């Protein structure tokens, strides 16, 4: 993927960006490989963890999805001043984590229109 876009460096953010591009192409396995590489290199962006959670949820890996949704919450809450809109999104993710634990929960419990985004950069 990195060669496809002629990226020369191998910084954590490069792997995150490659993973995000692969998600748009619905190539989730390769996206996860890039996200895992970014995480192993120290990337701790909330959106990295959020995307990883979504992929694990798509693969029905509920325990891992829950873990990464929690990492998303934890990394987002490290900001000094959390905007009210982000706090509302974090509350939605907390509720979603509870639904993942429920045996009757499905991905439909989390409306696509309500998925928090952090595309500030």
PDB file of N, CA and C in Angstrom:
ATOM      1  N   UNK A   1       0.831  -1.194   0.000  1.00  0.00           N
ATOM      2  CA  UNK A   1       0.000   0.000   0.000  1.00  0.00           C
ATOM      3  C   UNK A   1       0.872   1.253   0.000  1.00  0.00           C
ATOM      4  N   UNK A   2       1.911   1.250   0.818  1.00  0.00           N
ATOM      5  CA  UNK A   2       2.748   2.433   0.906  1.00  0.00           C
ATOM      6  C   UNK A   2       3.397   2.708  -0.461  1.00  0.00           C
ATOM      7  N   UNK A   3       3.764   1.647  -1.199  1.00  0.00           N
ATOM      8  CA  UNK A   3       4.367   1.835  -2.505  1.00  0.00           C
ATOM      9  C   UNK A   3       3.341   2.394  -3.491  1.00  0.00           C
ATOM     10  N   UNK A   4       2.100   1.991  -3.338  1.00  0.00           N
ATOM     11  CA  UNK A   4       1.039   2.454  -4.234  1.00  0.00           C
ATOM     12  C   UNK A   4       0.965   3.973  -4.234  1.00  0.00           C
ATOM     13  N   UNK A   5       1.145   4.575  -3.057  1.00  0.00           N
ATOM     14  CA  UNK A   5       1.078   6.020  -2.938  1.00  0.00           C
ATOM     15  C   UNK A   5       2.463   6.667  -2.895  1.00  0.00           C
ATOM     16  N   UNK A   6       3.488   5.878  -3.134  1.00  0.00           N
ATOM     17  CA  UNK A   6       4.868   6.332  -3.185  1.00  0.00           C
ATOM     18  C   UNK A   6       5.306   7.021  -1.889  1.00  0.00           C
ATOM     19  N   UNK A   7       4.859   6.518  -0.760  1.00  0.00           N
ATOM     20  CA  UNK A   7       5.312   7.029   0.530  1.00  0.00           C
ATOM     21  C   UNK A   7       6.689   6.447   0.797  1.00  0.00           C
ATOM     22  N   UNK A   8       7.615   7.300   1.130  1.00  0.00           N
ATOM     23  CA  UNK A   8       8.995   6.874   1.311  1.00  0.00           C
ATOM     24  C   UNK A   8       9.335   6.578   2.777  1.00  0.00           C
ATOM     25  N   UNK A   9       8.739   7.292   3.684  1.00  0.00           N
ATOM     26  CA  UNK A   9       9.088   7.119   5.091  1.00  0.00           C
ATOM     27  C   UNK A   9       8.268   5.992   5.708  1.00  0.00           C
ATOM     28  N   UNK A  10       8.713   5.592   6.858  1.00  0.00           N
ATOM     29  CA  UNK A  10       7.982   4.564   7.591  1.00  0.00           C
ATOM     30  C   UNK A  10       7.733   5.065   9.005  1.00  0.00           C
ATOM     31  N   UNK A  11       7.034   6.156   9.097  1.00  0.00           N
ATOM     32  CA  UNK A  11       6.647   6.733  10.372  1.00  0.00           C
ATOM     33  C   UNK A  11       5.309   6.132  10.793  1.00  0.00           C
ATOM     34  N   UNK A  12       5.020   6.141  12.091  1.00  0.00           N
ATOM     35  CA  UNK A  12       3.736   5.587  12.546  1.00  0.00           C
ATOM     36  C   UNK A  12       2.535   6.199  11.830  1.00  0.00           C
ATOM     37  N   UNK A  13       2.573   7.499  11.605  1.00  0.00           N
ATOM     38  CA  UNK A  13       1.452   8.161  10.953  1.00  0.00           C
ATOM     39  C   UNK A  13       1.280   7.692   9.507  1.00  0.00           C
ATOM     40  N   UNK A  14       2.380   7.326   8.857  1.00  0.00           N
ATOM     41  CA  UNK A  14       2.293   6.796   7.496  1.00  0.00           C
ATOM     42  C   UNK A  14       1.506   5.483   7.490  1.00  0.00           C
ATOM     43  N   UNK A  15       1.785   4.635   8.459  1.00  0.00           N
ATOM     44  CA  UNK A  15       1.065   3.360   8.533  1.00  0.00           C
ATOM     45  C   UNK A  15      -0.402   3.589   8.890  1.00  0.00           C
ATOM     46  N   UNK A  16      -0.654   4.566   9.782  1.00  0.00           N
ATOM     47  CA  UNK A  16      -2.051   4.887  10.100  1.00  0.00           C
ATOM     48  C   UNK A  16      -2.775   5.363   8.839  1.00  0.00           C
ATOM     49  N   UNK A  17      -2.164   6.288   8.102  1.00  0.00           N
ATOM     50  CA  UNK A  17      -2.797   6.819   6.893  1.00  0.00           C
ATOM     51  C   UNK A  17      -3.024   5.732   5.843  1.00  0.00           C
ATOM     52  N   UNK A  18      -2.057   4.830   5.710  1.00  0.00           N
ATOM     53  CA  UNK A  18      -2.230   3.719   4.766  1.00  0.00           C
ATOM     54  C   UNK A  18      -3.409   2.851   5.197  1.00  0.00           C
ATOM     55  N   UNK A  19      -3.502   2.574   6.498  1.00  0.00           N
ATOM     56  CA  UNK A  19      -4.620   1.785   7.009  1.00  0.00           C
ATOM     57  C   UNK A  19      -5.955   2.457   6.768  1.00  0.00           C
ATOM     58  N   UNK A  20      -6.006   3.771   6.979  1.00  0.00           N
ATOM     59  CA  UNK A  20      -7.245   4.511   6.760  1.00  0.00           C
ATOM     60  C   UNK A  20      -7.656   4.446   5.285  1.00  0.00           C
ATOM     61  N   UNK A  21      -6.686   4.568   4.385  1.00  0.00           N
ATOM     62  CA  UNK A  21      -6.980   4.463   2.951  1.00  0.00           C
ATOM     63  C   UNK A  21      -7.496   3.076   2.598  1.00  0.00           C
ATOM     64  N   UNK A  22      -6.884   2.064   3.191  1.00  0.00           N
ATOM     65  CA  UNK A  22      -7.319   0.688   2.924  1.00  0.00           C
ATOM     66  C   UNK A  22      -8.722   0.428   3.482  1.00  0.00           C
ATOM     67  N   UNK A  23      -9.068   1.068   4.577  1.00  0.00           N
ATOM     68  CA  UNK A  23     -10.433   0.942   5.108  1.00  0.00           C
ATOM     69  C   UNK A  23     -11.449   1.495   4.118  1.00  0.00           C
ATOM     70  N   UNK A  24     -11.099   2.611   3.497  1.00  0.00           N
ATOM     71  CA  UNK A  24     -11.998   3.195   2.499  1.00  0.00           C
ATOM     72  C   UNK A  24     -12.218   2.242   1.331  1.00  0.00           C
ATOM     73  N   UNK A  25     -11.218   1.418   1.054  1.00  0.00           N
ATOM     74  CA  UNK A  25     -11.315   0.424  -0.018  1.00  0.00           C
ATOM     75  C   UNK A  25     -11.909  -0.900   0.490  1.00  0.00           C
ATOM     76  N   UNK A  26     -12.286  -0.924   1.767  1.00  0.00           N
ATOM     77  CA  UNK A  26     -12.830  -2.107   2.442  1.00  0.00           C
ATOM     78  C   UNK A  26     -11.858  -3.280   2.452  1.00  0.00           C
ATOM     79  N   UNK A  27     -10.579  -2.977   2.475  1.00  0.00           N
ATOM     80  CA  UNK A  27      -9.533  -3.987   2.584  1.00  0.00           C
ATOM     81  C   UNK A  27      -9.108  -4.020   4.056  1.00  0.00           C
ATOM     82  N   UNK A  28      -9.974  -4.627   4.880  1.00  0.00           N
ATOM     83  CA  UNK A  28      -9.821  -4.540   6.325  1.00  0.00           C
ATOM     84  C   UNK A  28      -8.633  -5.332   6.870  1.00  0.00           C
ATOM     85  N   UNK A  29      -8.306  -6.451   6.257  1.00  0.00           N
ATOM     86  CA  UNK A  29      -7.172  -7.241   6.753  1.00  0.00           C
ATOM     87  C   UNK A  29      -5.860  -6.474   6.599  1.00  0.00           C
ATOM     88  N   UNK A  30      -5.648  -5.914   5.430  1.00  0.00           N
ATOM     89  CA  UNK A  30      -4.419  -5.155   5.201  1.00  0.00           C
ATOM     90  C   UNK A  30      -4.434  -3.848   6.004  1.00  0.00           C
ATOM     91  N   UNK A  31      -5.619  -3.258   6.142  1.00  0.00           N
ATOM     92  CA  UNK A  31      -5.738  -2.043   6.964  1.00  0.00           C
ATOM     93  C   UNK A  31      -5.312  -2.350   8.397  1.00  0.00           C
ATOM     94  N   UNK A  32      -5.787  -3.481   8.925  1.00  0.00           N
ATOM     95  CA  UNK A  32      -5.442  -3.840  10.300  1.00  0.00           C
ATOM     96  C   UNK A  32      -3.947  -4.054  10.451  1.00  0.00           C
ATOM     97  N   UNK A  33      -3.307  -4.647   9.454  1.00  0.00           N
ATOM     98  CA  UNK A  33      -1.857  -4.832   9.515  1.00  0.00           C
ATOM     99  C   UNK A  33      -1.152  -3.484   9.641  1.00  0.00           C
ATOM    100  N   UNK A  34      -1.606  -2.504   8.875  1.00  0.00           N
ATOM    101  CA  UNK A  34      -1.002  -1.166   8.944  1.00  0.00           C
ATOM    102  C   UNK A  34      -1.302  -0.495  10.275  1.00  0.00           C
ATOM    103  N   UNK A  35      -2.532  -0.642  10.774  1.00  0.00           N
ATOM    104  CA  UNK A  35      -2.879  -0.052  12.064  1.00  0.00           C
ATOM    105  C   UNK A  35      -2.060  -0.681  13.188  1.00  0.00           C
ATOM    106  N   UNK A  36      -1.887  -1.998  13.139  1.00  0.00           N
ATOM    107  CA  UNK A  36      -1.092  -2.677  14.169  1.00  0.00           C
ATOM    108  C   UNK A  36       0.363  -2.210  14.123  1.00  0.00           C
ATOM    109  N   UNK A  37       0.888  -2.007  12.925  1.00  0.00           N
ATOM    110  CA  UNK A  37       2.259  -1.514  12.787  1.00  0.00           C
ATOM    111  C   UNK A  37       2.359  -0.101  13.366  1.00  0.00           C
ATOM    112  N   UNK A  38       1.388   0.748  13.075  1.00  0.00           N
ATOM    113  CA  UNK A  38       1.388   2.116  13.617  1.00  0.00           C
ATOM    114  C   UNK A  38       1.345   2.080  15.139  1.00  0.00           C
ATOM    115  N   UNK A  39       0.492   1.221  15.687  1.00  0.00           N
ATOM    116  CA  UNK A  39       0.395   1.116  17.145  1.00  0.00           C
ATOM    117  C   UNK A  39       1.707   0.614  17.738  1.00  0.00           C
ATOM    118  N   UNK A  40       2.323  -0.381  17.110  1.00  0.00           N
ATOM    119  CA  UNK A  40       3.580  -0.938  17.635  1.00  0.00           C
ATOM    120  C   UNK A  40       4.711   0.087  17.588  1.00  0.00           C
ATOM    121  N   UNK A  41       4.572   1.090  16.721  1.00  0.00           N
ATOM    122  CA  UNK A  41       5.583   2.133  16.597  1.00  0.00           C
ATOM    123  C   UNK A  41       5.273   3.337  17.491  1.00  0.00           C
ATOM    124  N   UNK A  42       4.222   3.217  18.303  1.00  0.00           N
ATOM    125  CA  UNK A  42       3.932   4.272  19.269  1.00  0.00           C
ATOM    126  C   UNK A  42       2.803   5.210  18.921  1.00  0.00           C
ATOM    127  N   UNK A  43       2.127   4.996  17.818  1.00  0.00           N
ATOM    128  CA  UNK A  43       1.002   5.853  17.471  1.00  0.00           C
ATOM    129  C   UNK A  43      -0.119   5.631  18.493  1.00  0.00           C
ATOM    130  N   UNK A  44      -0.616   6.706  19.063  1.00  0.00           N
ATOM    131  CA  UNK A  44      -1.696   6.576  20.045  1.00  0.00           C
ATOM    132  C   UNK A  44      -2.840   7.533  19.743  1.00  0.00           C
ATOM    133  N   UNK A  45      -3.058   7.786  18.470  1.00  0.00           N
ATOM    134  CA  UNK A  45      -4.153   8.652  18.043  1.00  0.00           C
ATOM    135  C   UNK A  45      -5.488   7.974  18.340  1.00  0.00           C
ATOM    136  N   UNK A  46      -6.417   8.701  18.902  1.00  0.00           N
ATOM    137  CA  UNK A  46      -7.723   8.095  19.202  1.00  0.00           C
ATOM    138  C   UNK A  46      -8.368   7.431  17.985  1.00  0.00           C
ATOM    139  N   UNK A  47      -8.257   8.074  16.826  1.00  0.00           N
ATOM    140  CA  UNK A  47      -8.904   7.510  15.642  1.00  0.00           C
ATOM    141  C   UNK A  47      -8.269   6.194  15.205  1.00  0.00           C
ATOM    142  N   UNK A  48      -7.001   5.977  15.522  1.00  0.00           N
ATOM    143  CA  UNK A  48      -6.367   4.687  15.249  1.00  0.00           C
ATOM    144  C   UNK A  48      -7.104   3.596  16.014  1.00  0.00           C
ATOM    145  N   UNK A  49      -7.290   3.829  17.308  1.00  0.00           N
ATOM    146  CA  UNK A  49      -7.948   2.826  18.139  1.00  0.00           C
ATOM    147  C   UNK A  49      -9.409   2.635  17.729  1.00  0.00           C
ATOM    148  N   UNK A  50     -10.054   3.724  17.338  1.00  0.00           N
ATOM    149  CA  UNK A  50     -11.454   3.637  16.912  1.00  0.00           C
ATOM    150  C   UNK A  50     -11.572   2.777  15.654  1.00  0.00           C
ATOM    151  N   UNK A  51     -10.707   3.023  14.680  1.00  0.00           N
ATOM    152  CA  UNK A  51     -10.740   2.236  13.448  1.00  0.00           C
ATOM    153  C   UNK A  51     -10.430   0.766  13.710  1.00  0.00           C
ATOM    154  N   UNK A  52      -9.481   0.513  14.600  1.00  0.00           N
ATOM    155  CA  UNK A  52      -9.157  -0.876  14.938  1.00  0.00           C
ATOM    156  C   UNK A  52     -10.357  -1.549  15.599  1.00  0.00           C
ATOM    157  N   UNK A  53     -11.052  -0.819  16.456  1.00  0.00           N
ATOM    158  CA  UNK A  53     -12.247  -1.371  17.113  1.00  0.00           C
ATOM    159  C   UNK A  53     -13.308  -1.727  16.084  1.00  0.00           C
ATOM    160  N   UNK A  54     -13.523  -0.852  15.118  1.00  0.00           N
ATOM    161  CA  UNK A  54     -14.539  -1.120  14.093  1.00  0.00           C
ATOM    162  C   UNK A  54     -14.205  -2.361  13.280  1.00  0.00           C
ATOM    163  N   UNK A  55     -12.930  -2.522  12.944  1.00  0.00           N
ATOM    164  CA  UNK A  55     -12.540  -3.711  12.172  1.00  0.00           C
ATOM    165  C   UNK A  55     -12.748  -4.969  13.003  1.00  0.00           C
ATOM    166  N   UNK A  56     -12.341  -4.939  14.269  1.00  0.00           N
ATOM    167  CA  UNK A  56     -12.552  -6.113  15.125  1.00  0.00           C
ATOM    168  C   UNK A  56     -14.039  -6.417  15.268  1.00  0.00           C
ATOM    169  N   UNK A  57     -14.845  -5.378  15.374  1.00  0.00           N
ATOM    170  CA  UNK A  57     -16.284  -5.599  15.480  1.00  0.00           C
ATOM    171  C   UNK A  57     -16.843  -6.206  14.192  1.00  0.00           C
ATOM    172  N   UNK A  58     -16.376  -5.723  13.070  1.00  0.00           N
ATOM    173  CA  UNK A  58     -16.801  -6.262  11.776  1.00  0.00           C
ATOM    174  C   UNK A  58     -16.465  -7.752  11.670  1.00  0.00           C
ATOM    175  N   UNK A  59     -15.334  -8.137  12.254  1.00  0.00           N
ATOM    176  CA  UNK A  59     -14.897  -9.527  12.225  1.00  0.00           C
ATOM    177  C   UNK A  59     -15.513 -10.355  13.352  1.00  0.00           C
ATOM    178  N   UNK A  60     -16.439  -9.754  14.114  1.00  0.00           N
ATOM    179  CA  UNK A  60     -17.128 -10.427  15.230  1.00  0.00           C
ATOM    180  C   UNK A  60     -16.165 -10.773  16.371  1.00  0.00           C
ATOM    181  N   UNK A  61     -15.081 -10.029  16.481  1.00  0.00           N
ATOM    182  CA  UNK A  61     -14.115 -10.203  17.566  1.00  0.00           C
ATOM    183  C   UNK A  61     -14.473  -9.220  18.675  1.00  0.00           C
ATOM    184  N   UNK A  62     -15.519  -9.567  19.422  1.00  0.00           N
ATOM    185  CA  UNK A  62     -16.113  -8.641  20.379  1.00  0.00           C
ATOM    186  C   UNK A  62     -15.154  -8.209  21.468  1.00  0.00           C
ATOM    187  N   UNK A  63     -14.367  -9.118  21.997  1.00  0.00           N
ATOM    188  CA  UNK A  63     -13.454  -8.776  23.077  1.00  0.00           C
ATOM    189  C   UNK A  63     -12.421  -7.748  22.618  1.00  0.00           C
ATOM    190  N   UNK A  64     -11.861  -7.972  21.441  1.00  0.00           N
ATOM    191  CA  UNK A  64     -10.871  -7.031  20.909  1.00  0.00           C
ATOM    192  C   UNK A  64     -11.530  -5.702  20.545  1.00  0.00           C
ATOM    193  N   UNK A  65     -12.738  -5.760  20.015  1.00  0.00           N
ATOM    194  CA  UNK A  65     -13.454  -4.524  19.680  1.00  0.00           C
ATOM    195  C   UNK A  65     -13.661  -3.692  20.940  1.00  0.00           C
ATOM    196  N   UNK A  66     -14.109  -4.339  21.990  1.00  0.00           N
ATOM    197  CA  UNK A  66     -14.329  -3.643  23.258  1.00  0.00           C
ATOM    198  C   UNK A  66     -13.024  -3.029  23.758  1.00  0.00           C
ATOM    199  N   UNK A  67     -11.934  -3.778  23.687  1.00  0.00           N
ATOM    200  CA  UNK A  67     -10.627  -3.301  24.134  1.00  0.00           C
ATOM    201  C   UNK A  67     -10.216  -2.034  23.382  1.00  0.00           C
ATOM    202  N   UNK A  68     -10.400  -2.037  22.070  1.00  0.00           N
ATOM    203  CA  UNK A  68      -9.964  -0.884  21.287  1.00  0.00           C
ATOM    204  C   UNK A  68     -10.927   0.298  21.395  1.00  0.00           C
ATOM    205  N   UNK A  69     -12.215   0.040  21.594  1.00  0.00           N
ATOM    206  CA  UNK A  69     -13.123   1.156  21.880  1.00  0.00           C
ATOM    207  C   UNK A  69     -12.710   1.822  23.192  1.00  0.00           C
ATOM    208  N   UNK A  70     -12.306   1.010  24.167  1.00  0.00           N
ATOM    209  CA  UNK A  70     -11.866   1.585  25.442  1.00  0.00           C
ATOM    210  C   UNK A  70     -10.574   2.382  25.267  1.00  0.00           C
ATOM    211  N   UNK A  71      -9.662   1.872  24.429  1.00  0.00           N
ATOM    212  CA  UNK A  71      -8.437   2.634  24.152  1.00  0.00           C
ATOM    213  C   UNK A  71      -8.775   3.961  23.478  1.00  0.00           C
ATOM    214  N   UNK A  72      -9.777   3.949  22.615  1.00  0.00           N
ATOM    215  CA  UNK A  72     -10.233   5.191  21.970  1.00  0.00           C
ATOM    216  C   UNK A  72     -10.694   6.185  23.036  1.00  0.00           C
ATOM    217  N   UNK A  73     -11.501   5.720  23.968  1.00  0.00           N
ATOM    218  CA  UNK A  73     -11.999   6.577  25.043  1.00  0.00           C
ATOM    219  C   UNK A  73     -10.834   7.098  25.877  1.00  0.00           C
ATOM    220  N   UNK A  74      -9.973   6.189  26.315  1.00  0.00           N
ATOM    221  CA  UNK A  74      -8.856   6.573  27.185  1.00  0.00           C
ATOM    222  C   UNK A  74      -7.931   7.591  26.515  1.00  0.00           C
ATOM    223  N   UNK A  75      -7.606   7.367  25.253  1.00  0.00           N
ATOM    224  CA  UNK A  75      -6.694   8.290  24.570  1.00  0.00           C
ATOM    225  C   UNK A  75      -7.370   9.635  24.308  1.00  0.00           C
ATOM    226  N   UNK A  76      -8.666   9.628  24.056  1.00  0.00           N
ATOM    227  CA  UNK A  76      -9.384  10.887  23.849  1.00  0.00           C
ATOM    228  C   UNK A  76      -9.475  11.690  25.133  1.00  0.00           C
ATOM    229  N   UNK A  77      -9.625  11.011  26.252  1.00  0.00           N
ATOM    230  CA  UNK A  77      -9.783  11.697  27.533  1.00  0.00           C
ATOM    231  C   UNK A  77      -8.472  12.258  28.071  1.00  0.00           C
ATOM    232  N   UNK A  78      -7.377  12.019  27.398  1.00  0.00           N
ATOM    233  CA  UNK A  78      -6.100  12.581  27.838  1.00  0.00           C
ATOM    234  C   UNK A  78      -5.938  14.039  27.418  1.00  0.00           C
ATOM    235  N   UNK A  79      -6.844  14.525  26.608  1.00  0.00           N
ATOM    236  CA  UNK A  79      -6.786  15.925  26.210  1.00  0.00           C
ATOM    237  C   UNK A  79      -7.084  16.787  27.420  1.00  0.00           C
ATOM    238  N   UNK A  80      -6.477  17.957  27.469  1.00  0.00           N
ATOM    239  CA  UNK A  80      -6.691  18.870  28.596  1.00  0.00           C
ATOM    240  C   UNK A  80      -8.120  19.407  28.637  1.00  0.00           C
ATOM    241  N   UNK A  81      -8.649  19.764  27.486  1.00  0.00           N
ATOM    242  CA  UNK A  81      -9.975  20.368  27.425  1.00  0.00           C
ATOM    243  C   UNK A  81     -10.814  19.601  26.396  1.00  0.00           C
ATOM    244  N   UNK A  82     -11.654  18.705  26.884  1.00  0.00           N
ATOM    245  CA  UNK A  82     -12.471  17.878  25.989  1.00  0.00           C
ATOM    246  C   UNK A  82     -13.721  18.670  25.602  1.00  0.00           C
ATOM    247  N   UNK A  83     -13.900  18.921  24.303  1.00  0.00           N
ATOM    248  CA  UNK A  83     -15.110  19.632  23.876  1.00  0.00           C
ATOM    249  C   UNK A  83     -16.360  18.824  24.228  1.00  0.00           C
ATOM    250  N   UNK A  84     -17.446  19.535  24.481  1.00  0.00           N
ATOM    251  CA  UNK A  84     -18.696  18.881  24.848  1.00  0.00           C
ATOM    252  C   UNK A  84     -19.131  17.882  23.769  1.00  0.00           C
ATOM    253  N   UNK A  85     -18.937  18.232  22.504  1.00  0.00           N
ATOM    254  CA  UNK A  85     -19.332  17.325  21.422  1.00  0.00           C
ATOM    255  C   UNK A  85     -18.551  16.013  21.481  1.00  0.00           C
ATOM    256  N   UNK A  86     -17.265  16.098  21.800  1.00  0.00           N
ATOM    257  CA  UNK A  86     -16.466  14.881  21.924  1.00  0.00           C
ATOM    258  C   UNK A  86     -16.911  14.076  23.136  1.00  0.00           C
ATOM    259  N   UNK A  87     -17.229  14.758  24.230  1.00  0.00           N
ATOM    260  CA  UNK A  87     -17.693  14.041  25.421  1.00  0.00           C
ATOM    261  C   UNK A  87     -18.972  13.261  25.117  1.00  0.00           C
ATOM    262  N   UNK A  88     -19.855  13.856  24.326  1.00  0.00           N
ATOM    263  CA  UNK A  88     -21.092  13.163  23.934  1.00  0.00           C
ATOM    264  C   UNK A  88     -20.765  11.934  23.084  1.00  0.00           C
ATOM    265  N   UNK A  89     -19.806  12.073  22.180  1.00  0.00           N
ATOM    266  CA  UNK A  89     -19.383  10.940  21.354  1.00  0.00           C
ATOM    267  C   UNK A  89     -18.791   9.826  22.219  1.00  0.00           C
ATOM    268  N   UNK A  90     -17.982  10.210  23.193  1.00  0.00           N
ATOM    269  CA  UNK A  90     -17.380   9.214  24.092  1.00  0.00           C
ATOM    270  C   UNK A  90     -18.460   8.485  24.889  1.00  0.00           C
ATOM    271  N   UNK A  91     -19.489   9.213  25.295  1.00  0.00           N
ATOM    272  CA  UNK A  91     -20.609   8.573  25.999  1.00  0.00           C
ATOM    273  C   UNK A  91     -21.325   7.575  25.096  1.00  0.00           C
ATOM    274  N   UNK A  92     -21.474   7.925  23.811  1.00  0.00           N
ATOM    275  CA  UNK A  92     -22.090   6.993  22.858  1.00  0.00           C
ATOM    276  C   UNK A  92     -21.243   5.731  22.706  1.00  0.00           C
ATOM    277  N   UNK A  93     -19.933   5.896  22.665  1.00  0.00           N
ATOM    278  CA  UNK A  93     -19.042   4.738  22.539  1.00  0.00           C
ATOM    279  C   UNK A  93     -19.127   3.881  23.805  1.00  0.00           C
ATOM    280  N   UNK A  94     -19.195   4.514  24.974  1.00  0.00           N
ATOM    281  CA  UNK A  94     -19.356   3.747  26.223  1.00  0.00           C
ATOM    282  C   UNK A  94     -20.626   2.907  26.178  1.00  0.00           C
ATOM    283  N   UNK A  95     -21.716   3.514  25.723  1.00  0.00           N
ATOM    284  CA  UNK A  95     -22.972   2.767  25.593  1.00  0.00           C
ATOM    285  C   UNK A  95     -22.817   1.626  24.588  1.00  0.00           C
ATOM    286  N   UNK A  96     -22.099   1.896  23.527  1.00  0.00           N
ATOM    287  CA  UNK A  96     -21.883   0.863  22.507  1.00  0.00           C
ATOM    288  C   UNK A  96     -21.086  -0.314  23.070  1.00  0.00           C
ATOM    289  N   UNK A  97     -20.092  -0.023  23.899  1.00  0.00           N
ATOM    290  CA  UNK A  97     -19.313  -1.091  24.529  1.00  0.00           C
ATOM    291  C   UNK A  97     -20.244  -1.998  25.336  1.00  0.00           C
ATOM    292  N   UNK A  98     -21.189  -1.413  26.036  1.00  0.00           N
ATOM    293  CA  UNK A  98     -22.155  -2.213  26.803  1.00  0.00           C
ATOM    294  C   UNK A  98     -22.971  -3.107  25.878  1.00  0.00           C
ATOM    295  N   UNK A  99     -23.340  -2.595  24.712  1.00  0.00           N
ATOM    296  CA  UNK A  99     -24.103  -3.401  23.749  1.00  0.00           C
ATOM    297  C   UNK A  99     -23.271  -4.541  23.181  1.00  0.00           C
ATOM    298  N   UNK A 100     -21.973  -4.317  23.025  1.00  0.00           N
ATOM    299  CA  UNK A 100     -21.105  -5.388  22.521  1.00  0.00           C
ATOM    300  C   UNK A 100     -21.103  -6.555  23.496  1.00  0.00           C
ATOM    301  N   UNK A 101     -21.147  -6.256  24.784  1.00  0.00           N
ATOM    302  CA  UNK A 101     -21.128  -7.301  25.803  1.00  0.00           C
ATOM    303  C   UNK A 101     -22.419  -8.098  25.818  1.00  0.00           C
ATOM    304  N   UNK A 102     -23.496  -7.481  25.394  1.00  0.00           N
ATOM    305  CA  UNK A 102     -24.801  -8.133  25.421  1.00  0.00           C
ATOM    306  C   UNK A 102     -24.856  -9.229  24.365  1.00  0.00           C
ATOM    307  N   UNK A 103     -25.398 -10.411  24.721  1.00  0.00           N
ATOM    308  CA  UNK A 103     -25.465 -11.496  23.739  1.00  0.00           C
ATOM    309  C   UNK A 103     -26.391 -11.182  22.577  1.00  0.00           C
ATOM    310  N   UNK A 104     -27.282 -10.213  22.730  1.00  0.00           N
ATOM    311  CA  UNK A 104     -28.197  -9.881  21.644  1.00  0.00           C
ATOM    312  C   UNK A 104     -27.721  -8.679  20.840  1.00  0.00           C
ATOM    313  N   UNK A 105     -26.575  -8.153  21.187  1.00  0.00           N
ATOM    314  CA  UNK A 105     -26.070  -6.970  20.497  1.00  0.00           C
ATOM    315  C   UNK A 105     -25.639  -7.310  19.085  1.00  0.00           C
ATOM    316  N   UNK A 106     -25.866  -6.378  18.189  1.00  0.00           N
ATOM    317  CA  UNK A 106     -25.407  -6.504  16.810  1.00  0.00           C
ATOM    318  C   UNK A 106     -24.781  -5.190  16.404  1.00  0.00           C
ATOM    319  N   UNK A 107     -24.153  -5.185  15.257  1.00  0.00           N
ATOM    320  CA  UNK A 107     -23.563  -3.941  14.779  1.00  0.00           C
ATOM    321  C   UNK A 107     -24.650  -2.921  14.465  1.00  0.00           C
ATOM    322  N   UNK A 108     -25.885  -3.369  14.323  1.00  0.00           N
ATOM    323  CA  UNK A 108     -26.977  -2.447  14.055  1.00  0.00           C
ATOM    324  C   UNK A 108     -27.309  -1.600  15.268  1.00  0.00           C
ATOM    325  N   UNK A 109     -26.815  -1.983  16.454  1.00  0.00           N
ATOM    326  CA  UNK A 109     -27.061  -1.196  17.654  1.00  0.00           C
ATOM    327  C   UNK A 109     -26.343   0.136  17.587  1.00  0.00           C
ATOM    328  N   UNK A 110     -25.399   0.294  16.673  1.00  0.00           N
ATOM    329  CA  UNK A 110     -24.628   1.518  16.559  1.00  0.00           C
ATOM    330  C   UNK A 110     -24.892   2.078  15.175  1.00  0.00           C
ATOM    331  N   UNK A 111     -25.769   3.037  15.095  1.00  0.00           N
ATOM    332  CA  UNK A 111     -26.181   3.626  13.838  1.00  0.00           C
ATOM    333  C   UNK A 111     -24.983   4.265  13.139  1.00  0.00           C
ATOM    334  N   UNK A 112     -24.794   3.965  11.864  1.00  0.00           N
ATOM    335  CA  UNK A 112     -23.674   4.527  11.105  1.00  0.00           C
ATOM    336  C   UNK A 112     -23.668   6.047  11.143  1.00  0.00           C
ATOM    337  N   UNK A 113     -24.830   6.650  11.257  1.00  0.00           N
ATOM    338  CA  UNK A 113     -24.902   8.097  11.295  1.00  0.00           C
ATOM    339  C   UNK A 113     -24.408   8.666  12.616  1.00  0.00           C
ATOM    340  N   UNK A 114     -24.243   7.839  13.620  1.00  0.00           N
ATOM    341  CA  UNK A 114     -23.830   8.302  14.933  1.00  0.00           C
ATOM    342  C   UNK A 114     -22.383   7.950  15.265  1.00  0.00           C
ATOM    343  N   UNK A 115     -21.665   7.361  14.323  1.00  0.00           N
ATOM    344  CA  UNK A 115     -20.295   6.957  14.595  1.00  0.00           C
ATOM    345  C   UNK A 115     -19.445   8.201  14.803  1.00  0.00           C
ATOM    346  N   UNK A 116     -18.769   8.278  15.945  1.00  0.00           N
ATOM    347  CA  UNK A 116     -17.912   9.434  16.199  1.00  0.00           C
ATOM    348  C   UNK A 116     -16.750   9.484  15.218  1.00  0.00           C
ATOM    349  N   UNK A 117     -16.396  10.674  14.829  1.00  0.00           N
ATOM    350  CA  UNK A 117     -15.241  10.838  13.970  1.00  0.00           C
ATOM    351  C   UNK A 117     -14.299  11.840  14.612  1.00  0.00           C
ATOM    352  N   UNK A 118     -13.043  11.708  14.274  1.00  0.00           N
ATOM    353  CA  UNK A 118     -12.048  12.637  14.811  1.00  0.00           C
ATOM    354  C   UNK A 118     -11.139  13.095  13.679  1.00  0.00           C
ATOM    355  N   UNK A 119     -11.738  13.510  12.583  1.00  0.00           N
ATOM    356  CA  UNK A 119     -10.967  13.933  11.416  1.00  0.00           C
ATOM    357  C   UNK A 119     -10.594  15.395  11.509  1.00  0.00           C
ATOM    358  N   UNK A 120     -10.102  15.795  12.684  1.00  0.00           N
ATOM    359  CA  UNK A 120      -9.727  17.187  12.890  1.00  0.00           C
ATOM    360  C   UNK A 120      -8.441  17.541  12.164  1.00  0.00           C
ATOM    361  N   UNK A 121      -7.639  16.541  11.813  1.00  0.00           N
ATOM    362  CA  UNK A 121      -6.332  16.825  11.209  1.00  0.00           C
ATOM    363  C   UNK A 121      -6.295  16.366   9.788  1.00  0.00           C
TER     364      UNK A 121
END
